[in-house]
Amino acid sequence: MPYLRLPERAWRAVAGNSPPTAPIGLRAQSSRMDDLTAHAALGLALRIGASMLAVGAPSADVTATVLRVAAAYGLTSCQVDITFTSLTVSFDREDAVPLTAMRIVRMSRTDYTRLQGITDLARAIGAGDLDVEEGHRRLDRVVAAPATYRRTVNALAWAGVAGCFGIVLGGGWREALIAALTTALIEQVLRVLNRRSLPVFFQQVVGAALATGVAVLLLAWDVDVRTSLVVAAGIVVLLAGLSLVTAAQDAISGFPVTAGARAFEVVTLTAGIVVGIAGVLDLAQRARLPLTVVTSPSPVPFPVALAASAGIAGFWALASHARPRAVGLAAIAGALAWTTFWALSAVGAGAPLASGVAAVVIGFCGEVLTQRLRVPPQLVAVCGIVPLLPGLAIYHGLFRIVVDADIDGGLAALVGASAVGLALAAGVTLGEYLGRPVSGERDRFDERVRRRAMTTD
């Protein structure tokens, strides 16, 4: 009867007829590749991904690179899983047993020279210029190369970061010199502790205690310097907040496991700084030393602050094993970040807003320019925002809690510092996303990875 077909007609009127919103559980494709060749190609892709993850690359970049390298050798049905300390790659094929390999990632310090070398190798493989064996040999040369600079240069670079930061906060040459010498001492002590395999949390405690202890000794010896600037400069060098940038990138890109692990690492290492500072401040209070703290940075002439900010970013890149050209680019990024922050602060913007907008500008420029200049985008993003890190705000908050017993005021200062850190991390990530369509360097593998964080209608 006609009325019985009415529900069917109604359903056809509202039923969708377009493809699914997202492919789920697609069937694996057949592969004619023999197991030996597939193992070699899978192993190379796995090694490249693990090496990138070890030197600080975001999970999205690692995943896209692994997929790109595997596809260059015919492994077009690969799945990649990252759990912060491990990387797993599986080659799924219909006509044979899937191949799966895993590698434990041993985390290393940020090394932009090695990261760029690995990226260049992956790009050459993607262009079809290298066979598997030559790819392994080139990767061996990149990861086994000696350090870019001697340890003396590395120590001087960290000292330069602290000295320039002391100037940005309004200190004179005395504060800058003492901050630089204190940081050089901290760097040497931490190097010794690292050789003895002391957990990084306790290294952070020792470093923060040394920075605060030097300030207390200067006060006890009646040296005419603003000791809080010395502590703040040391805190910046120890701050784990830079990992927050990568954590934010992972979270926004759809990698919640690695994002959560990185964020927890940030919290743990920053807690080490808090413990070290609070412990020394408590001892100083018991010794009845008249501690004081600078509540806000002193006014600094713009040219001086601009040069110091460029120095902070450049020295940080140097300490992270960047090549001279990359160091110069990082210095420019630091100057640009400070200029943006200064301009917004001049019109009444708060520190979190000004820092976030400056980070957006740096992230955008890093994404647009670095591919052409063969410099990792992470270098510009991370080094450029270092001059804006809230080292003084953290010390101010802890000082008010421990010395002044003003818990509410101290927590408010620490919350403000956290807001600045989150604004920097989110701003850099947003800037990179805004710059990605302009750069035109992303391929289908990048798009496949980025779609993890997207929902379509």
Protein backbone atom coordinates (compact mmCIF):
# COMPACT_ATOMS: atom_id res chain seq x y z
CA MET A 1 0.00 0.00 0.00
CA PRO A 2 1.27 3.54 -0.73
CA TYR A 3 1.16 4.72 2.90
CA LEU A 4 3.53 1.93 3.92
CA ARG A 5 6.27 3.45 1.77
CA LEU A 6 5.99 6.82 3.50
CA PRO A 7 8.62 6.10 6.21
CA GLU A 8 11.02 4.90 3.55
CA ARG A 9 10.50 8.07 1.52
CA ALA A 10 10.95 10.19 4.63
CA TRP A 11 14.21 8.41 5.48
CA ARG A 12 15.56 8.90 1.98
CA ALA A 13 14.80 12.61 2.28
CA VAL A 14 17.01 13.00 5.37
CA ALA A 15 19.58 10.19 4.93
CA GLY A 16 23.12 11.19 4.05
CA ASN A 17 24.61 10.23 0.73
CA SER A 18 28.16 11.57 1.09
CA PRO A 19 31.26 9.57 2.05
CA PRO A 20 31.97 8.91 5.75
CA THR A 21 33.26 11.86 7.78
CA ALA A 22 36.51 10.00 8.43
CA PRO A 23 37.89 6.67 7.22
CA ILE A 24 37.81 4.03 9.95
CA GLY A 25 39.44 0.61 9.85
CA LEU A 26 40.44 0.71 6.19
CA ARG A 27 41.56 -2.57 4.69
CA ALA A 28 45.30 -3.00 4.22
CA GLN A 29 46.68 -2.96 0.70
CA SER A 30 48.55 -5.87 -0.84
CA SER A 31 52.32 -5.62 -0.97
CA ARG A 32 54.80 -7.40 -3.22
CA MET A 33 57.80 -6.36 -1.15
CA ASP A 34 59.89 -9.15 0.38
CA ASP A 35 60.38 -9.30 4.13
CA LEU A 36 64.10 -8.45 4.05
CA THR A 37 63.60 -5.21 2.13
CA ALA A 38 60.58 -4.27 4.21
CA HIS A 39 62.52 -4.84 7.46
CA ALA A 40 65.40 -2.65 6.29
CA ALA A 41 63.15 0.21 5.21
CA LEU A 42 61.03 -0.04 8.36
CA GLY A 43 64.16 -0.01 10.50
CA LEU A 44 65.47 3.14 8.82
CA ALA A 45 62.15 4.97 9.25
CA LEU A 46 62.07 3.90 12.90
CA ARG A 47 65.63 5.09 13.54
CA ILE A 48 64.95 8.47 11.96
CA GLY A 49 61.81 8.97 14.03
CA ALA A 50 63.48 7.94 17.27
CA SER A 51 66.43 10.27 16.59
CA MET A 52 64.09 13.21 15.96
CA LEU A 53 62.13 12.50 19.13
CA ALA A 54 65.34 12.29 21.16
CA VAL A 55 66.47 15.80 20.22
CA GLY A 56 63.15 17.46 20.96
CA ALA A 57 61.02 17.34 17.79
CA PRO A 58 57.20 17.46 18.24
CA SER A 59 55.32 14.19 17.85
CA ALA A 60 53.43 15.43 14.78
CA ASP A 61 56.66 16.17 12.91
CA VAL A 62 58.12 12.82 13.94
CA THR A 63 55.04 10.91 12.77
CA ALA A 64 54.87 12.71 9.42
CA THR A 65 58.59 12.12 8.80
CA VAL A 66 58.34 8.41 9.60
CA LEU A 67 55.38 8.01 7.24
CA ARG A 68 57.20 9.96 4.52
CA VAL A 69 60.37 7.88 4.75
CA ALA A 70 58.45 4.59 4.84
CA ALA A 71 56.35 5.56 1.81
CA ALA A 72 59.49 6.49 -0.14
CA TYR A 73 60.52 2.82 0.04
CA GLY A 74 57.08 1.44 -0.78
CA LEU A 75 55.69 0.98 2.75
CA THR A 76 52.44 2.83 2.16
CA SER A 77 50.28 1.24 4.87
CA CYS A 78 52.20 2.13 8.01
CA GLN A 79 50.87 3.00 11.45
CA VAL A 80 52.95 5.06 13.91
CA ASP A 81 52.49 5.21 17.69
CA ILE A 82 54.49 7.41 20.06
CA THR A 83 54.44 7.11 23.84
CA PHE A 84 57.09 9.73 24.76
CA THR A 85 59.79 7.17 25.60
CA SER A 86 59.12 4.72 22.77
CA LEU A 87 58.27 4.70 19.09
CA THR A 88 56.40 1.88 17.34
CA VAL A 89 55.93 1.50 13.58
CA SER A 90 53.81 -1.22 11.99
CA PHE A 91 53.60 -2.09 8.28
CA ASP A 92 50.18 -3.56 7.63
CA ARG A 93 49.75 -5.68 4.48
CA GLU A 94 46.90 -7.86 3.30
CA ASP A 95 48.82 -10.74 1.78
CA ALA A 96 51.35 -11.32 4.57
CA VAL A 97 51.89 -11.05 8.32
CA PRO A 98 52.22 -7.38 9.44
CA LEU A 99 55.70 -6.18 10.36
CA THR A 100 56.02 -4.28 13.64
CA ALA A 101 59.12 -2.74 15.20
CA MET A 102 59.64 -0.68 18.35
CA ARG A 103 62.53 1.41 19.59
CA ILE A 104 63.06 2.89 23.07
CA VAL A 105 63.87 6.59 22.84
CA ARG A 106 66.71 7.79 25.03
CA MET A 107 66.03 11.46 25.54
CA SER A 108 68.89 13.83 24.87
CA ARG A 109 69.43 17.55 25.14
CA THR A 110 68.04 19.73 22.39
CA ASP A 111 70.45 19.66 19.45
CA TYR A 112 69.33 21.75 16.51
CA THR A 113 72.26 20.78 14.31
CA ARG A 114 71.43 17.09 14.59
CA LEU A 115 67.73 17.80 14.15
CA GLN A 116 68.40 19.69 10.93
CA GLY A 117 70.70 16.91 9.69
CA ILE A 118 68.02 14.29 10.30
CA THR A 119 65.40 16.47 8.62
CA ASP A 120 67.61 16.97 5.56
CA LEU A 121 68.18 13.22 5.36
CA ALA A 122 64.44 12.52 5.51
CA ARG A 123 63.83 15.09 2.79
CA ALA A 124 66.45 13.47 0.54
CA ILE A 125 64.89 10.06 1.07
CA GLY A 126 61.44 11.43 0.28
CA ALA A 127 62.80 12.80 -3.00
CA GLY A 128 64.01 9.30 -3.94
CA ASP A 129 67.71 10.17 -3.87
CA LEU A 130 68.92 7.47 -1.43
CA ASP A 131 68.59 3.74 -1.11
CA VAL A 132 68.05 2.10 2.27
CA GLU A 133 71.68 1.24 2.99
CA GLU A 134 72.95 4.71 2.09
CA GLY A 135 70.20 6.18 4.27
CA HIS A 136 71.42 4.13 7.23
CA ARG A 137 75.01 5.24 6.63
CA ARG A 138 74.09 8.91 6.44
CA LEU A 139 72.00 8.65 9.58
CA ASP A 140 74.96 7.02 11.34
CA ARG A 141 77.11 10.01 10.42
CA VAL A 142 74.52 12.49 11.69
CA VAL A 143 73.82 10.90 15.07
CA ALA A 144 77.47 9.91 15.73
CA ALA A 145 78.94 13.30 14.80
CA PRO A 146 80.88 15.09 17.56
CA ALA A 147 79.26 17.94 19.45
CA THR A 148 78.95 21.13 17.46
CA TYR A 149 80.86 23.17 20.07
CA ARG A 150 83.29 22.51 22.88
CA ARG A 151 81.99 22.35 26.43
CA THR A 152 83.61 25.70 27.19
CA VAL A 153 81.53 27.35 24.47
CA ASN A 154 78.42 25.65 25.81
CA ALA A 155 79.08 26.93 29.35
CA LEU A 156 79.77 30.47 28.10
CA ALA A 157 76.52 30.39 26.13
CA TRP A 158 74.47 29.57 29.24
CA ALA A 159 76.32 32.30 31.13
CA GLY A 160 75.47 34.71 28.30
CA VAL A 161 71.77 33.84 28.60
CA ALA A 162 71.74 34.68 32.31
CA GLY A 163 73.81 37.85 31.90
CA CYS A 164 71.57 39.24 29.16
CA PHE A 165 68.47 38.33 31.13
CA GLY A 166 69.78 40.28 34.10
CA ILE A 167 70.03 43.33 31.82
CA VAL A 168 66.50 42.85 30.46
CA LEU A 169 65.18 42.88 34.05
CA GLY A 170 66.81 46.24 34.68
CA GLY A 171 70.05 45.17 36.30
CA GLY A 172 73.40 46.84 35.79
CA TRP A 173 76.72 45.35 34.81
CA ARG A 174 77.23 43.95 38.32
CA GLU A 175 73.97 41.98 38.26
CA ALA A 176 74.67 40.78 34.73
CA LEU A 177 78.20 39.64 35.59
CA ILE A 178 77.20 37.88 38.80
CA ALA A 179 74.26 36.19 37.07
CA ALA A 180 76.56 34.97 34.30
CA LEU A 181 79.18 33.63 36.73
CA THR A 182 76.51 31.97 38.88
CA THR A 183 74.96 30.27 35.87
CA ALA A 184 78.36 29.06 34.68
CA LEU A 185 78.87 27.51 38.13
CA ILE A 186 75.42 25.90 38.03
CA GLU A 187 76.08 24.49 34.56
CA GLN A 188 79.34 22.87 35.66
CA VAL A 189 77.80 21.41 38.81
CA LEU A 190 74.85 19.98 36.89
CA ARG A 191 77.21 18.46 34.35
CA VAL A 192 79.00 16.60 37.16
CA LEU A 193 75.70 15.46 38.70
CA ASN A 194 74.46 14.29 35.32
CA ARG A 195 77.57 12.12 34.89
CA ARG A 196 76.72 10.52 38.22
CA SER A 197 73.19 9.77 36.92
CA LEU A 198 71.42 11.90 39.50
CA PRO A 199 67.73 12.23 38.52
CA VAL A 200 66.95 15.48 36.76
CA PHE A 201 64.49 16.54 39.47
CA PHE A 202 67.28 16.69 42.03
CA GLN A 203 69.53 18.45 39.54
CA GLN A 204 66.87 21.16 39.29
CA VAL A 205 66.75 21.38 43.10
CA VAL A 206 70.52 21.80 43.29
CA GLY A 207 70.63 24.37 40.49
CA ALA A 208 67.88 26.51 41.97
CA ALA A 209 69.44 26.25 45.44
CA LEU A 210 72.79 27.40 44.05
CA ALA A 211 71.25 30.42 42.33
CA THR A 212 69.36 31.43 45.47
CA GLY A 213 72.31 30.61 47.71
CA VAL A 214 74.61 32.94 45.79
CA ALA A 215 72.04 35.72 46.20
CA VAL A 216 71.86 35.08 49.95
CA LEU A 217 75.66 35.14 50.27
CA LEU A 218 75.82 38.45 48.41
CA LEU A 219 73.28 39.84 50.84
CA ALA A 220 75.20 38.50 53.85
CA TRP A 221 78.43 40.08 52.52
CA ASP A 222 76.58 43.37 51.94
CA VAL A 223 77.34 43.47 48.22
CA ASP A 224 75.44 46.30 46.54
CA VAL A 225 73.44 44.34 43.93
CA ARG A 226 69.78 43.48 43.47
CA THR A 227 70.02 39.82 44.37
CA SER A 228 66.55 38.93 43.13
CA LEU A 229 67.65 39.66 39.56
CA VAL A 230 70.50 37.18 39.98
CA VAL A 231 68.07 34.49 41.11
CA ALA A 232 65.59 35.28 38.33
CA ALA A 233 68.30 34.98 35.68
CA GLY A 234 69.34 31.59 37.07
CA ILE A 235 65.73 30.41 37.11
CA VAL A 236 65.34 31.17 33.40
CA VAL A 237 68.25 28.88 32.55
CA LEU A 238 66.72 26.10 34.64
CA LEU A 239 63.13 26.62 33.54
CA ALA A 240 61.52 23.50 32.16
CA GLY A 241 58.83 25.73 30.66
CA LEU A 242 60.33 25.44 27.18
CA SER A 243 59.13 21.83 27.02
CA LEU A 244 55.68 23.27 27.49
CA VAL A 245 55.82 24.47 23.87
CA THR A 246 56.24 20.92 22.60
CA ALA A 247 53.58 19.67 25.03
CA ALA A 248 51.11 22.23 23.69
CA GLN A 249 51.96 21.29 20.12
CA ASP A 250 51.36 17.60 20.86
CA ALA A 251 48.05 18.29 22.60
CA ILE A 252 46.73 20.48 19.81
CA SER A 253 47.98 18.08 17.11
CA GLY A 254 46.10 15.12 18.60
CA PHE A 255 48.83 13.36 20.62
CA PRO A 256 47.39 13.37 24.15
CA VAL A 257 49.69 10.65 25.51
CA THR A 258 52.93 12.43 24.66
CA ALA A 259 51.38 15.80 25.54
CA GLY A 260 50.43 14.54 28.99
CA ALA A 261 53.87 13.01 29.53
CA ARG A 262 55.68 16.18 28.47
CA ALA A 263 53.41 18.35 30.61
CA PHE A 264 53.97 16.13 33.64
CA GLU A 265 57.72 16.34 33.05
CA VAL A 266 57.45 20.14 32.96
CA VAL A 267 55.54 20.16 36.24
CA THR A 268 58.01 17.80 37.90
CA LEU A 269 61.12 19.70 36.84
CA THR A 270 59.59 23.06 37.70
CA ALA A 271 58.69 21.64 41.11
CA GLY A 272 62.40 20.92 41.57
CA ILE A 273 63.12 24.62 41.03
CA VAL A 274 60.44 25.54 43.55
CA VAL A 275 61.87 23.17 46.17
CA GLY A 276 65.42 24.47 45.71
CA ILE A 277 64.43 28.14 45.97
CA ALA A 278 62.02 27.65 48.85
CA GLY A 279 64.54 25.66 50.87
CA VAL A 280 67.26 28.31 50.65
CA LEU A 281 64.81 31.15 51.30
CA ASP A 282 63.60 29.36 54.43
CA LEU A 283 67.19 28.99 55.69
CA ALA A 284 67.90 32.65 54.97
CA GLN A 285 64.80 33.69 56.86
CA ARG A 286 65.83 31.60 59.85
CA ALA A 287 69.24 33.30 59.72
CA ARG A 288 67.37 36.64 59.91
CA LEU A 289 68.84 38.01 56.70
CA PRO A 290 66.86 41.04 55.43
CA LEU A 291 65.83 39.59 52.08
CA THR A 292 64.11 41.81 49.52
CA VAL A 293 62.75 41.14 46.06
CA VAL A 294 62.21 43.28 42.99
CA THR A 295 58.48 43.04 42.29
CA SER A 296 58.70 44.14 38.66
CA PRO A 297 61.47 44.75 36.12
CA SER A 298 63.04 48.20 36.19
CA PRO A 299 62.61 50.38 33.10
CA VAL A 300 65.31 49.64 30.54
CA PRO A 301 66.06 51.80 27.48
CA PHE A 302 64.52 50.14 24.46
CA PRO A 303 67.79 49.75 22.46
CA VAL A 304 69.47 48.11 25.47
CA ALA A 305 66.55 45.73 26.08
CA LEU A 306 66.37 44.91 22.39
CA ALA A 307 70.07 44.03 22.19
CA ALA A 308 69.87 42.00 25.41
CA SER A 309 66.81 40.08 24.17
CA ALA A 310 68.59 39.26 20.93
CA GLY A 311 71.54 38.10 23.03
CA ILE A 312 69.33 35.84 25.17
CA ALA A 313 67.83 34.08 22.16
CA GLY A 314 71.15 33.84 20.34
CA PHE A 315 73.03 32.47 23.34
CA TRP A 316 70.22 29.96 23.98
CA ALA A 317 70.50 28.71 20.39
CA LEU A 318 74.26 28.47 20.81
CA ALA A 319 73.83 26.44 23.99
CA SER A 320 71.42 24.17 22.08
CA HIS A 321 74.11 23.36 19.50
CA ALA A 322 72.79 25.51 16.66
CA ARG A 323 75.03 26.49 13.75
CA PRO A 324 76.19 30.14 13.47
CA ARG A 325 73.58 31.01 10.84
CA ALA A 326 70.84 29.56 13.01
CA VAL A 327 72.19 31.46 16.03
CA GLY A 328 71.83 34.72 14.08
CA LEU A 329 68.28 33.83 13.09
CA ALA A 330 67.42 33.02 16.71
CA ALA A 331 68.80 36.40 17.81
CA ILE A 332 66.55 38.15 15.29
CA ALA A 333 63.59 36.14 16.59
CA GLY A 334 64.36 37.18 20.17
CA ALA A 335 64.54 40.84 19.15
CA LEU A 336 61.24 40.55 17.26
CA ALA A 337 59.52 38.89 20.22
CA TRP A 338 60.70 41.61 22.60
CA THR A 339 59.65 44.37 20.19
CA THR A 340 56.15 42.91 19.91
CA PHE A 341 55.89 42.47 23.68
CA TRP A 342 57.14 46.02 24.30
CA ALA A 343 54.71 47.55 21.79
CA LEU A 344 51.69 45.77 23.27
CA SER A 345 52.74 46.57 26.84
CA ALA A 346 53.03 50.24 25.87
CA VAL A 347 49.34 50.32 24.91
CA GLY A 348 48.23 48.69 28.16
CA ALA A 349 48.15 44.96 27.35
CA GLY A 350 48.82 42.61 30.25
CA ALA A 351 51.83 40.30 30.38
CA PRO A 352 49.95 37.13 29.33
CA LEU A 353 48.29 38.82 26.36
CA ALA A 354 51.44 40.60 25.21
CA SER A 355 53.49 37.41 25.59
CA GLY A 356 50.90 35.33 23.73
CA VAL A 357 50.71 37.71 20.77
CA ALA A 358 54.49 37.91 20.59
CA ALA A 359 54.62 34.10 20.55
CA VAL A 360 52.07 34.01 17.72
CA VAL A 361 54.29 36.32 15.66
CA ILE A 362 57.37 34.19 16.34
CA GLY A 363 55.58 30.94 15.55
CA PHE A 364 54.25 32.36 12.29
CA CYS A 365 57.64 33.68 11.16
CA GLY A 366 59.34 30.44 12.14
CA GLU A 367 56.94 28.35 10.08
CA VAL A 368 57.14 30.63 7.03
CA LEU A 369 60.89 31.30 6.89
CA THR A 370 62.79 28.38 8.37
CA GLN A 371 61.95 25.84 5.66
CA ARG A 372 63.57 28.10 3.07
CA LEU A 373 66.57 28.79 5.30
CA ARG A 374 67.02 25.10 6.27
CA VAL A 375 66.64 25.77 9.97
CA PRO A 376 64.27 23.78 12.25
CA PRO A 377 61.09 25.79 12.98
CA GLN A 378 61.43 24.69 16.59
CA LEU A 379 64.63 26.73 16.89
CA VAL A 380 62.94 30.04 16.10
CA ALA A 381 59.89 29.23 18.22
CA VAL A 382 61.74 28.11 21.34
CA CYS A 383 64.68 30.50 21.28
CA GLY A 384 62.56 33.49 20.31
CA ILE A 385 60.34 33.33 23.39
CA VAL A 386 63.12 32.85 25.95
CA PRO A 387 63.39 36.60 26.72
CA LEU A 388 59.72 36.53 27.79
CA LEU A 389 60.00 33.68 30.29
CA PRO A 390 58.61 34.66 33.74
CA GLY A 391 61.64 33.92 35.89
CA LEU A 392 61.23 36.98 38.11
CA ALA A 393 57.52 36.32 38.64
CA ILE A 394 58.24 32.79 39.86
CA TYR A 395 60.85 34.03 42.35
CA HIS A 396 58.52 36.81 43.47
CA GLY A 397 55.71 34.34 44.16
CA LEU A 398 57.91 31.96 46.13
CA PHE A 399 59.44 34.86 48.07
CA ARG A 400 56.04 36.10 49.19
CA ILE A 401 55.00 32.63 50.30
CA VAL A 402 58.19 31.68 52.18
CA VAL A 403 59.47 35.02 53.52
CA ASP A 404 56.40 37.27 53.73
CA ALA A 405 53.99 34.43 54.61
CA ASP A 406 51.61 35.94 52.06
CA ILE A 407 50.19 32.76 50.57
CA ASP A 408 47.43 34.45 48.59
CA GLY A 409 49.77 37.01 47.05
CA GLY A 410 52.40 34.38 46.32
CA LEU A 411 49.94 32.03 44.67
CA ALA A 412 48.60 34.92 42.60
CA ALA A 413 52.12 35.67 41.35
CA LEU A 414 52.73 32.01 40.51
CA VAL A 415 49.40 31.77 38.69
CA GLY A 416 50.38 34.85 36.70
CA ALA A 417 53.69 33.23 35.79
CA SER A 418 51.87 30.08 34.71
CA ALA A 419 49.51 32.16 32.57
CA VAL A 420 52.48 33.71 30.78
CA GLY A 421 54.01 30.28 30.18
CA LEU A 422 50.78 28.87 28.79
CA ALA A 423 50.29 31.95 26.61
CA LEU A 424 53.76 31.50 25.16
CA ALA A 425 53.20 27.81 24.43
CA ALA A 426 49.76 28.26 22.90
CA GLY A 427 50.84 31.35 20.96
CA VAL A 428 53.75 29.59 19.30
CA THR A 429 51.51 26.69 18.28
CA LEU A 430 48.83 29.01 16.89
CA GLY A 431 51.43 30.98 14.94
CA GLU A 432 52.76 27.81 13.34
CA TYR A 433 49.26 26.75 12.29
CA LEU A 434 48.60 30.18 10.79
CA GLY A 435 51.88 30.09 8.92
CA ARG A 436 51.50 26.59 7.53
CA PRO A 437 49.29 27.52 4.54
CA VAL A 438 51.68 30.36 3.67
CA SER A 439 54.84 28.25 3.76
CA GLY A 440 53.49 25.70 1.26
CA GLU A 441 55.98 23.10 2.49
CA ARG A 442 53.48 20.61 3.90
CA ASP A 443 52.68 17.43 1.98
CA ARG A 444 50.02 14.74 2.28
CA PHE A 445 51.81 13.11 5.22
CA ASP A 446 51.72 16.32 7.24
CA GLU A 447 48.06 16.74 6.38
CA ARG A 448 47.33 13.15 7.42
CA VAL A 449 48.93 13.76 10.81
CA ARG A 450 47.29 17.15 11.34
CA ARG A 451 43.85 15.66 10.68
CA ARG A 452 44.20 13.67 13.90
CA ALA A 453 43.17 16.78 15.83
CA MET A 454 40.33 17.76 13.49
CA THR A 455 36.68 16.79 13.50
CA THR A 456 34.76 17.08 10.24
CA ASP A 457 31.05 17.35 9.59
